[in-house]
Amino acid sequence: MHEAKTRMSELLRGVEAGDEVLITRGGAPIARIVPVREPASVPSRFGLLALEISDPGDWDDDAEADEAGDLFGLPRPAGA
């Protein structure tokens, strides 16, 4: 442990180069210093379906609602 404290800058240069450092106390491992591994770049999913989904424009048309109601046996609204 004492040696690691006095050589920390040197040890960290090795870690930056890709080495792993095992810190021990009394011969027993207590810590491992490893390089940070950046996750692989993940492309943004924003707008992924922009060209796949369209707005039918008449999604709330009463005729469509009546047709769906007829399909499920629902009564038509008054005045329809």
Protein backbone atom coordinates (compact mmCIF):
# COMPACT_ATOMS: atom_id res chain seq x y z
CA MET A 1 0.00 0.00 0.00
CA HIS A 2 2.80 2.42 0.93
CA GLU A 3 4.60 1.70 -2.33
CA ALA A 4 1.43 2.42 -4.31
CA LYS A 5 1.08 5.80 -2.58
CA THR A 6 4.62 6.82 -3.37
CA ARG A 7 4.42 5.60 -7.01
CA MET A 8 0.82 6.61 -7.79
CA SER A 9 1.72 8.91 -10.72
CA GLU A 10 3.83 6.19 -12.32
CA LEU A 11 1.13 3.55 -11.75
CA LEU A 12 -1.53 5.79 -13.29
CA ARG A 13 0.62 6.35 -16.39
CA GLY A 14 0.70 2.57 -16.79
CA VAL A 15 -3.08 2.38 -16.38
CA GLU A 16 -3.51 5.09 -19.02
CA ALA A 17 -1.42 2.88 -21.31
CA GLY A 18 -3.83 -0.03 -20.71
CA ASP A 19 -2.20 -1.81 -17.77
CA GLU A 20 -4.08 -3.01 -14.71
CA VAL A 21 -2.62 -2.44 -11.24
CA LEU A 22 -3.39 -4.67 -8.26
CA ILE A 23 -2.99 -3.04 -4.84
CA THR A 24 -2.25 -5.37 -1.94
CA ARG A 25 -1.95 -5.03 1.80
CA GLY A 26 0.05 -7.68 3.61
CA GLY A 27 0.07 -9.77 0.43
CA ALA A 28 -3.73 -9.80 0.14
CA PRO A 29 -5.32 -8.01 -2.82
CA ILE A 30 -7.52 -5.06 -1.76
CA ALA A 31 -8.03 -3.01 -4.92
CA ARG A 32 -7.56 -3.05 -8.66
CA ILE A 33 -6.93 0.05 -10.78
CA VAL A 34 -8.08 -0.47 -14.36
CA PRO A 35 -8.39 1.81 -17.39
CA VAL A 36 -11.79 3.35 -17.98
CA ARG A 37 -13.43 1.68 -20.94
CA GLU A 38 -15.72 4.05 -22.80
CA PRO A 39 -18.88 2.36 -24.04
CA ALA A 40 -19.18 1.91 -27.77
CA SER A 41 -20.93 4.81 -29.43
CA VAL A 42 -24.64 4.14 -29.77
CA PRO A 43 -26.36 5.95 -32.61
CA SER A 44 -29.21 8.19 -31.59
CA ARG A 45 -32.62 6.60 -31.94
CA PHE A 46 -34.35 9.97 -32.13
CA GLY A 47 -36.38 10.14 -35.31
CA LEU A 48 -35.78 6.47 -36.08
CA LEU A 49 -39.33 5.95 -37.40
CA ALA A 50 -39.80 9.41 -38.89
CA LEU A 51 -40.36 8.04 -42.40
CA GLU A 52 -42.19 4.89 -41.30
CA ILE A 53 -45.19 6.41 -39.52
CA SER A 54 -47.75 8.57 -41.21
CA ASP A 55 -50.74 10.52 -39.94
CA PRO A 56 -53.89 9.37 -41.75
CA GLY A 57 -55.50 12.73 -41.02
CA ASP A 58 -58.97 11.23 -40.48
CA TRP A 59 -58.16 9.07 -37.47
CA ASP A 60 -61.01 10.64 -35.49
CA ASP A 61 -63.58 10.70 -38.32
CA ASP A 62 -67.07 9.75 -37.10
CA ALA A 63 -67.59 7.33 -40.00
CA GLU A 64 -64.51 5.40 -38.90
CA ALA A 65 -65.75 5.37 -35.30
CA ASP A 66 -69.16 4.06 -36.43
CA GLU A 67 -67.51 1.34 -38.45
CA ALA A 68 -65.42 0.25 -35.48
CA GLY A 69 -68.50 0.33 -33.22
CA ASP A 70 -70.42 -1.83 -35.70
CA LEU A 71 -67.55 -4.29 -35.76
CA PHE A 72 -67.74 -4.73 -31.98
CA GLY A 73 -71.54 -4.52 -31.75
CA LEU A 74 -71.61 -1.13 -30.03
CA PRO A 75 -74.67 1.09 -30.40
CA ARG A 76 -74.32 4.12 -32.63
CA PRO A 77 -74.35 7.49 -30.89
CA ALA A 78 -77.62 9.46 -31.05
CA GLY A 79 -77.96 11.47 -34.26
CA ALA A 80 -75.65 9.23 -36.21
